[in-house]
Amino acid sequence: MGVQPTTERGRRTRERIVAAAAEVVAQKGALGASLDEVGERAAASRSQLYHYFDDKSDLLRAVAESTNEAVLGAQDDLFAGLGTWPGLVRWTDALVALQEERGGVGGCPIANLLGQLGERDDEIRAVLSDGFDRWEASIRAGLTAMVASGELRADADADWLAASTLASLQGGLILAQARRDPLPLRRALDGAIRLIATYRTTTKA
């Protein structure tokens, strides 16, 4: 692994390189991304690229880590509300609204990288898998909180429901991306909500 910066200037340079690489990957795909184009966009020399990253694979691992943080960080406020039924519904509505804004374009950035690199680089696959694990853990924490508060029945399996919900979300995102239509995501998340609703102890919204 390349050098981890110890100065603010170094951190900004490394972050700029990773951001540029993420842009190139989003536009041209991970395999089509070149270090020369990344360096040009980041206004960074080849020597700087190789100072912070051993090679292209090392840089793509940093992109994967950055992608996890971007996708999950954008949901932090929503995750904080998952411990209540209105918060759960708000989270699903926000995900659908984002796809409506984008017209179904883009899908899930974590899944997109996994599709391009998961079978080629096991370390990158593990990074992206950790992103999904954290996503699922946030859902599970919210459901567990609802069980603890009595909003969901004690026999609700938070592990199973969280895994099912994340799978529904990812499937819905893939179909929304393929069809350029957010409706499949809306239906997938509505199905997840209805499954969780079978464990509710009240029908109040």
C-alpha atoms as a PDB file:
ATOM      1  CA  MET A   1       0.000   0.000   0.000  1.00  0.00           C
ATOM      2  CA  GLY A   2       1.224   3.499  -0.815  1.00  0.00           C
ATOM      3  CA  VAL A   3       2.272   6.101   1.694  1.00  0.00           C
ATOM      4  CA  GLN A   4      -0.421   7.410   4.033  1.00  0.00           C
ATOM      5  CA  PRO A   5      -0.025  11.205   4.247  1.00  0.00           C
ATOM      6  CA  THR A   6       0.879  12.729   7.584  1.00  0.00           C
ATOM      7  CA  THR A   7       0.348  16.369   6.633  1.00  0.00           C
ATOM      8  CA  GLU A   8      -2.828  18.250   5.755  1.00  0.00           C
ATOM      9  CA  ARG A   9      -1.409  19.093   2.350  1.00  0.00           C
ATOM     10  CA  GLY A  10      -0.621  15.449   1.713  1.00  0.00           C
ATOM     11  CA  ARG A  11      -4.093  14.374   2.789  1.00  0.00           C
ATOM     12  CA  ARG A  12      -5.676  16.910   0.451  1.00  0.00           C
ATOM     13  CA  THR A  13      -3.520  15.695  -2.429  1.00  0.00           C
ATOM     14  CA  ARG A  14      -4.410  12.070  -1.808  1.00  0.00           C
ATOM     15  CA  GLU A  15      -8.106  12.900  -1.485  1.00  0.00           C
ATOM     16  CA  ARG A  16      -7.940  14.875  -4.734  1.00  0.00           C
ATOM     17  CA  ILE A  17      -6.392  11.910  -6.528  1.00  0.00           C
ATOM     18  CA  VAL A  18      -9.021   9.499  -5.176  1.00  0.00           C
ATOM     19  CA  ALA A  19     -11.849  11.887  -6.124  1.00  0.00           C
ATOM     20  CA  ALA A  20     -10.446  12.223  -9.648  1.00  0.00           C
ATOM     21  CA  ALA A  21     -10.107   8.452  -9.940  1.00  0.00           C
ATOM     22  CA  ALA A  22     -13.712   8.004  -8.807  1.00  0.00           C
ATOM     23  CA  GLU A  23     -14.848  10.420 -11.525  1.00  0.00           C
ATOM     24  CA  VAL A  24     -12.897   8.586 -14.209  1.00  0.00           C
ATOM     25  CA  VAL A  25     -14.197   5.204 -13.025  1.00  0.00           C
ATOM     26  CA  ALA A  26     -17.784   6.494 -13.039  1.00  0.00           C
ATOM     27  CA  GLN A  27     -17.401   7.709 -16.596  1.00  0.00           C
ATOM     28  CA  LYS A  28     -15.198   5.055 -18.181  1.00  0.00           C
ATOM     29  CA  GLY A  29     -15.406   2.075 -15.868  1.00  0.00           C
ATOM     30  CA  ALA A  30     -12.739   0.697 -13.591  1.00  0.00           C
ATOM     31  CA  LEU A  31     -10.954  -1.225 -16.339  1.00  0.00           C
ATOM     32  CA  GLY A  32     -10.983   1.740 -18.701  1.00  0.00           C
ATOM     33  CA  ALA A  33      -9.620   4.189 -16.160  1.00  0.00           C
ATOM     34  CA  SER A  34      -6.019   5.182 -16.801  1.00  0.00           C
ATOM     35  CA  LEU A  35      -3.535   6.602 -14.332  1.00  0.00           C
ATOM     36  CA  ASP A  36      -2.605   9.285 -16.841  1.00  0.00           C
ATOM     37  CA  GLU A  37      -6.160  10.605 -16.974  1.00  0.00           C
ATOM     38  CA  VAL A  38      -6.488  10.427 -13.199  1.00  0.00           C
ATOM     39  CA  GLY A  39      -3.280  12.408 -12.811  1.00  0.00           C
ATOM     40  CA  GLU A  40      -4.434  14.990 -15.323  1.00  0.00           C
ATOM     41  CA  ARG A  41      -7.782  15.498 -13.599  1.00  0.00           C
ATOM     42  CA  ALA A  42      -6.190  15.632 -10.162  1.00  0.00           C
ATOM     43  CA  ALA A  43      -3.369  17.920 -11.322  1.00  0.00           C
ATOM     44  CA  ALA A  44      -0.999  15.327  -9.885  1.00  0.00           C
ATOM     45  CA  SER A  45       2.238  14.007 -11.356  1.00  0.00           C
ATOM     46  CA  ARG A  46       3.050  10.367 -11.907  1.00  0.00           C
ATOM     47  CA  SER A  47       5.476  10.510  -9.023  1.00  0.00           C
ATOM     48  CA  GLN A  48       2.701  11.758  -6.740  1.00  0.00           C
ATOM     49  CA  LEU A  49       0.385   8.970  -7.869  1.00  0.00           C
ATOM     50  CA  TYR A  50       3.014   6.346  -7.102  1.00  0.00           C
ATOM     51  CA  HIS A  51       3.919   8.053  -3.836  1.00  0.00           C
ATOM     52  CA  TYR A  52       0.410   7.564  -2.461  1.00  0.00           C
ATOM     53  CA  PHE A  53      -0.559   4.375  -4.335  1.00  0.00           C
ATOM     54  CA  ASP A  54       1.480   1.322  -5.270  1.00  0.00           C
ATOM     55  CA  ASP A  55      -0.345   0.736  -8.538  1.00  0.00           C
ATOM     56  CA  LYS A  56      -3.735   1.042 -10.206  1.00  0.00           C
ATOM     57  CA  SER A  57      -5.229  -1.718  -8.061  1.00  0.00           C
ATOM     58  CA  ASP A  58      -4.160   0.114  -4.916  1.00  0.00           C
ATOM     59  CA  LEU A  59      -5.820   3.284  -6.212  1.00  0.00           C
ATOM     60  CA  LEU A  60      -9.011   1.380  -7.071  1.00  0.00           C
ATOM     61  CA  ARG A  61      -9.114  -0.015  -3.539  1.00  0.00           C
ATOM     62  CA  ALA A  62      -9.026   3.565  -2.283  1.00  0.00           C
ATOM     63  CA  VAL A  63     -11.858   4.390  -4.691  1.00  0.00           C
ATOM     64  CA  ALA A  64     -13.840   1.456  -3.282  1.00  0.00           C
ATOM     65  CA  GLU A  65     -13.296   2.710   0.273  1.00  0.00           C
ATOM     66  CA  SER A  66     -14.283   6.233  -0.765  1.00  0.00           C
ATOM     67  CA  THR A  67     -17.389   4.886  -2.501  1.00  0.00           C
ATOM     68  CA  ASN A  68     -18.468   3.074   0.654  1.00  0.00           C
ATOM     69  CA  GLU A  69     -18.074   6.254   2.672  1.00  0.00           C
ATOM     70  CA  ALA A  70     -19.970   8.357   0.139  1.00  0.00           C
ATOM     71  CA  VAL A  71     -22.917   5.966  -0.183  1.00  0.00           C
ATOM     72  CA  LEU A  72     -23.254   5.244   3.530  1.00  0.00           C
ATOM     73  CA  GLY A  73     -22.373   8.738   4.707  1.00  0.00           C
ATOM     74  CA  ALA A  74     -25.155  10.198   2.572  1.00  0.00           C
ATOM     75  CA  GLN A  75     -27.600   8.082   4.594  1.00  0.00           C
ATOM     76  CA  ASP A  76     -26.299   8.874   8.075  1.00  0.00           C
ATOM     77  CA  ASP A  77     -29.217  11.091   9.051  1.00  0.00           C
ATOM     78  CA  LEU A  78     -31.694   8.575   7.654  1.00  0.00           C
ATOM     79  CA  PHE A  79     -29.979   5.682   9.436  1.00  0.00           C
ATOM     80  CA  ALA A  80     -30.322   7.605  12.690  1.00  0.00           C
ATOM     81  CA  GLY A  81     -34.107   7.488  12.300  1.00  0.00           C
ATOM     82  CA  LEU A  82     -34.436   3.801  11.429  1.00  0.00           C
ATOM     83  CA  GLY A  83     -35.394   2.935  14.992  1.00  0.00           C
ATOM     84  CA  THR A  84     -38.983   4.067  14.389  1.00  0.00           C
ATOM     85  CA  TRP A  85     -41.575   3.106  11.819  1.00  0.00           C
ATOM     86  CA  PRO A  86     -41.840   6.631  10.354  1.00  0.00           C
ATOM     87  CA  GLY A  87     -38.050   6.720  10.127  1.00  0.00           C
ATOM     88  CA  LEU A  88     -37.991   3.419   8.247  1.00  0.00           C
ATOM     89  CA  VAL A  89     -40.565   4.680   5.759  1.00  0.00           C
ATOM     90  CA  ARG A  90     -38.689   7.985   5.431  1.00  0.00           C
ATOM     91  CA  TRP A  91     -35.496   6.101   4.551  1.00  0.00           C
ATOM     92  CA  THR A  92     -37.174   4.078   1.784  1.00  0.00           C
ATOM     93  CA  ASP A  93     -38.912   7.176   0.431  1.00  0.00           C
ATOM     94  CA  ALA A  94     -35.606   9.049   0.304  1.00  0.00           C
ATOM     95  CA  LEU A  95     -33.922   6.250  -1.656  1.00  0.00           C
ATOM     96  CA  VAL A  96     -36.754   6.205  -4.179  1.00  0.00           C
ATOM     97  CA  ALA A  97     -36.769  10.014  -4.436  1.00  0.00           C
ATOM     98  CA  LEU A  98     -33.055   9.958  -5.292  1.00  0.00           C
ATOM     99  CA  GLN A  99     -33.678   7.520  -8.137  1.00  0.00           C
ATOM    100  CA  GLU A 100     -36.588   9.644  -9.327  1.00  0.00           C
ATOM    101  CA  GLU A 101     -34.258  12.640  -9.495  1.00  0.00           C
ATOM    102  CA  ARG A 102     -31.733  10.590 -11.455  1.00  0.00           C
ATOM    103  CA  GLY A 103     -34.259   8.902 -13.718  1.00  0.00           C
ATOM    104  CA  GLY A 104     -32.966   5.528 -12.599  1.00  0.00           C
ATOM    105  CA  VAL A 105     -29.450   6.326 -13.842  1.00  0.00           C
ATOM    106  CA  GLY A 106     -26.458   5.209 -11.797  1.00  0.00           C
ATOM    107  CA  GLY A 107     -27.785   2.377  -9.669  1.00  0.00           C
ATOM    108  CA  CYS A 108     -25.776   1.557  -6.560  1.00  0.00           C
ATOM    109  CA  PRO A 109     -22.151   2.741  -6.807  1.00  0.00           C
ATOM    110  CA  ILE A 110     -20.957  -0.035  -4.488  1.00  0.00           C
ATOM    111  CA  ALA A 111     -22.676  -2.720  -6.565  1.00  0.00           C
ATOM    112  CA  ASN A 112     -21.385  -1.173  -9.786  1.00  0.00           C
ATOM    113  CA  LEU A 113     -17.788  -1.425  -8.611  1.00  0.00           C
ATOM    114  CA  LEU A 114     -18.370  -4.945  -7.339  1.00  0.00           C
ATOM    115  CA  GLY A 115     -19.647  -5.992 -10.763  1.00  0.00           C
ATOM    116  CA  GLN A 116     -16.559  -4.580 -12.451  1.00  0.00           C
ATOM    117  CA  LEU A 117     -13.891  -5.698 -10.014  1.00  0.00           C
ATOM    118  CA  GLY A 118     -15.269  -8.261  -7.578  1.00  0.00           C
ATOM    119  CA  GLU A 119     -14.094 -11.285  -9.534  1.00  0.00           C
ATOM    120  CA  ARG A 120     -10.755  -9.722 -10.478  1.00  0.00           C
ATOM    121  CA  ASP A 121      -9.458  -8.376  -7.174  1.00  0.00           C
ATOM    122  CA  ASP A 122     -10.356 -10.147  -3.946  1.00  0.00           C
ATOM    123  CA  GLU A 123      -9.132  -7.292  -1.760  1.00  0.00           C
ATOM    124  CA  ILE A 124     -11.446  -4.833  -3.512  1.00  0.00           C
ATOM    125  CA  ARG A 125     -14.286  -7.355  -3.247  1.00  0.00           C
ATOM    126  CA  ALA A 126     -13.683  -7.522   0.504  1.00  0.00           C
ATOM    127  CA  VAL A 127     -13.742  -3.712   0.790  1.00  0.00           C
ATOM    128  CA  LEU A 128     -17.054  -3.509  -1.060  1.00  0.00           C
ATOM    129  CA  SER A 129     -18.469  -6.437   0.903  1.00  0.00           C
ATOM    130  CA  ASP A 130     -17.678  -4.492   4.058  1.00  0.00           C
ATOM    131  CA  GLY A 131     -19.711  -1.619   2.658  1.00  0.00           C
ATOM    132  CA  PHE A 132     -22.715  -3.888   2.261  1.00  0.00           C
ATOM    133  CA  ASP A 133     -22.104  -5.309   5.750  1.00  0.00           C
ATOM    134  CA  ARG A 134     -22.183  -1.816   7.239  1.00  0.00           C
ATOM    135  CA  TRP A 135     -25.324  -0.968   5.282  1.00  0.00           C
ATOM    136  CA  GLU A 136     -27.049  -4.104   6.534  1.00  0.00           C
ATOM    137  CA  ALA A 137     -25.849  -3.425  10.082  1.00  0.00           C
ATOM    138  CA  SER A 138     -27.464   0.023  10.028  1.00  0.00           C
ATOM    139  CA  ILE A 139     -30.771  -1.477   8.923  1.00  0.00           C
ATOM    140  CA  ARG A 140     -30.476  -4.208  11.543  1.00  0.00           C
ATOM    141  CA  ALA A 141     -29.742  -1.664  14.284  1.00  0.00           C
ATOM    142  CA  GLY A 142     -32.917   0.208  13.434  1.00  0.00           C
ATOM    143  CA  LEU A 143     -35.036  -2.931  13.427  1.00  0.00           C
ATOM    144  CA  THR A 144     -33.461  -4.091  16.687  1.00  0.00           C
ATOM    145  CA  ALA A 145     -34.342  -0.738  18.230  1.00  0.00           C
ATOM    146  CA  MET A 146     -37.954  -1.179  17.117  1.00  0.00           C
ATOM    147  CA  VAL A 147     -38.058  -4.609  18.727  1.00  0.00           C
ATOM    148  CA  ALA A 148     -36.622  -3.164  21.946  1.00  0.00           C
ATOM    149  CA  SER A 149     -39.183  -0.352  21.996  1.00  0.00           C
ATOM    150  CA  GLY A 150     -42.046  -2.755  21.357  1.00  0.00           C
ATOM    151  CA  GLU A 151     -42.857  -1.327  17.934  1.00  0.00           C
ATOM    152  CA  LEU A 152     -42.001  -4.716  16.422  1.00  0.00           C
ATOM    153  CA  ARG A 153     -42.840  -8.040  18.042  1.00  0.00           C
ATOM    154  CA  ALA A 154     -40.182  -9.828  20.038  1.00  0.00           C
ATOM    155  CA  ASP A 155     -40.135 -12.699  17.516  1.00  0.00           C
ATOM    156  CA  ALA A 156     -39.065 -10.390  14.667  1.00  0.00           C
ATOM    157  CA  ASP A 157     -35.706 -11.654  13.374  1.00  0.00           C
ATOM    158  CA  ALA A 158     -33.780  -8.426  12.825  1.00  0.00           C
ATOM    159  CA  ASP A 159     -30.889 -10.244  11.114  1.00  0.00           C
ATOM    160  CA  TRP A 160     -33.160 -11.889   8.566  1.00  0.00           C
ATOM    161  CA  LEU A 161     -35.286  -8.797   7.975  1.00  0.00           C
ATOM    162  CA  ALA A 162     -32.215  -6.586   7.513  1.00  0.00           C
ATOM    163  CA  ALA A 163     -30.649  -8.997   5.014  1.00  0.00           C
ATOM    164  CA  SER A 164     -33.943  -9.303   3.139  1.00  0.00           C
ATOM    165  CA  THR A 165     -34.408  -5.537   3.057  1.00  0.00           C
ATOM    166  CA  LEU A 166     -30.907  -4.893   1.715  1.00  0.00           C
ATOM    167  CA  ALA A 167     -31.391  -7.597  -0.917  1.00  0.00           C
ATOM    168  CA  SER A 168     -34.688  -6.005  -1.969  1.00  0.00           C
ATOM    169  CA  LEU A 169     -33.016  -2.619  -2.152  1.00  0.00           C
ATOM    170  CA  GLN A 170     -30.154  -3.869  -4.304  1.00  0.00           C
ATOM    171  CA  GLY A 171     -32.443  -5.817  -6.620  1.00  0.00           C
ATOM    172  CA  GLY A 172     -34.688  -2.803  -7.002  1.00  0.00           C
ATOM    173  CA  LEU A 173     -31.715  -0.568  -7.786  1.00  0.00           C
ATOM    174  CA  ILE A 174     -30.462  -2.945 -10.483  1.00  0.00           C
ATOM    175  CA  LEU A 175     -33.870  -3.053 -12.185  1.00  0.00           C
ATOM    176  CA  ALA A 176     -34.297   0.716 -11.861  1.00  0.00           C
ATOM    177  CA  GLN A 177     -30.903   1.180 -13.483  1.00  0.00           C
ATOM    178  CA  ALA A 178     -31.605  -1.299 -16.275  1.00  0.00           C
ATOM    179  CA  ARG A 179     -35.024   0.156 -17.073  1.00  0.00           C
ATOM    180  CA  ARG A 180     -34.208   3.799 -16.307  1.00  0.00           C
ATOM    181  CA  ASP A 181     -37.299   3.740 -14.151  1.00  0.00           C
ATOM    182  CA  PRO A 182     -37.444   4.061 -10.330  1.00  0.00           C
ATOM    183  CA  LEU A 183     -40.690   2.085 -10.108  1.00  0.00           C
ATOM    184  CA  PRO A 184     -38.976  -1.309  -9.574  1.00  0.00           C
ATOM    185  CA  LEU A 185     -37.153   0.146  -6.569  1.00  0.00           C
ATOM    186  CA  ARG A 186     -40.391   1.536  -5.169  1.00  0.00           C
ATOM    187  CA  ARG A 187     -42.051  -1.858  -5.493  1.00  0.00           C
ATOM    188  CA  ALA A 188     -39.078  -3.724  -4.031  1.00  0.00           C
ATOM    189  CA  LEU A 189     -38.919  -1.466  -0.977  1.00  0.00           C
ATOM    190  CA  ASP A 190     -42.691  -1.530  -0.561  1.00  0.00           C
ATOM    191  CA  GLY A 191     -42.407  -5.318  -0.440  1.00  0.00           C
ATOM    192  CA  ALA A 192     -39.706  -5.076   2.222  1.00  0.00           C
ATOM    193  CA  ILE A 193     -41.850  -2.674   4.253  1.00  0.00           C
ATOM    194  CA  ARG A 194     -44.854  -4.972   4.040  1.00  0.00           C
ATOM    195  CA  LEU A 195     -42.793  -7.913   5.259  1.00  0.00           C
ATOM    196  CA  ILE A 196     -41.528  -5.929   8.239  1.00  0.00           C
ATOM    197  CA  ALA A 197     -45.073  -4.680   8.864  1.00  0.00           C
ATOM    198  CA  THR A 198     -46.220  -8.238   9.581  1.00  0.00           C
ATOM    199  CA  TYR A 199     -44.249  -7.948  12.826  1.00  0.00           C
ATOM    200  CA  ARG A 200     -45.665  -4.594  13.912  1.00  0.00           C
ATOM    201  CA  THR A 201     -47.475  -4.428  17.226  1.00  0.00           C
ATOM    202  CA  THR A 202     -49.495  -1.373  16.087  1.00  0.00           C
ATOM    203  CA  THR A 203     -50.905  -0.120  12.798  1.00  0.00           C
ATOM    204  CA  LYS A 204     -50.295   3.539  13.634  1.00  0.00           C
ATOM    205  CA  ALA A 205     -48.087   5.406  11.154  1.00  0.00           C
END
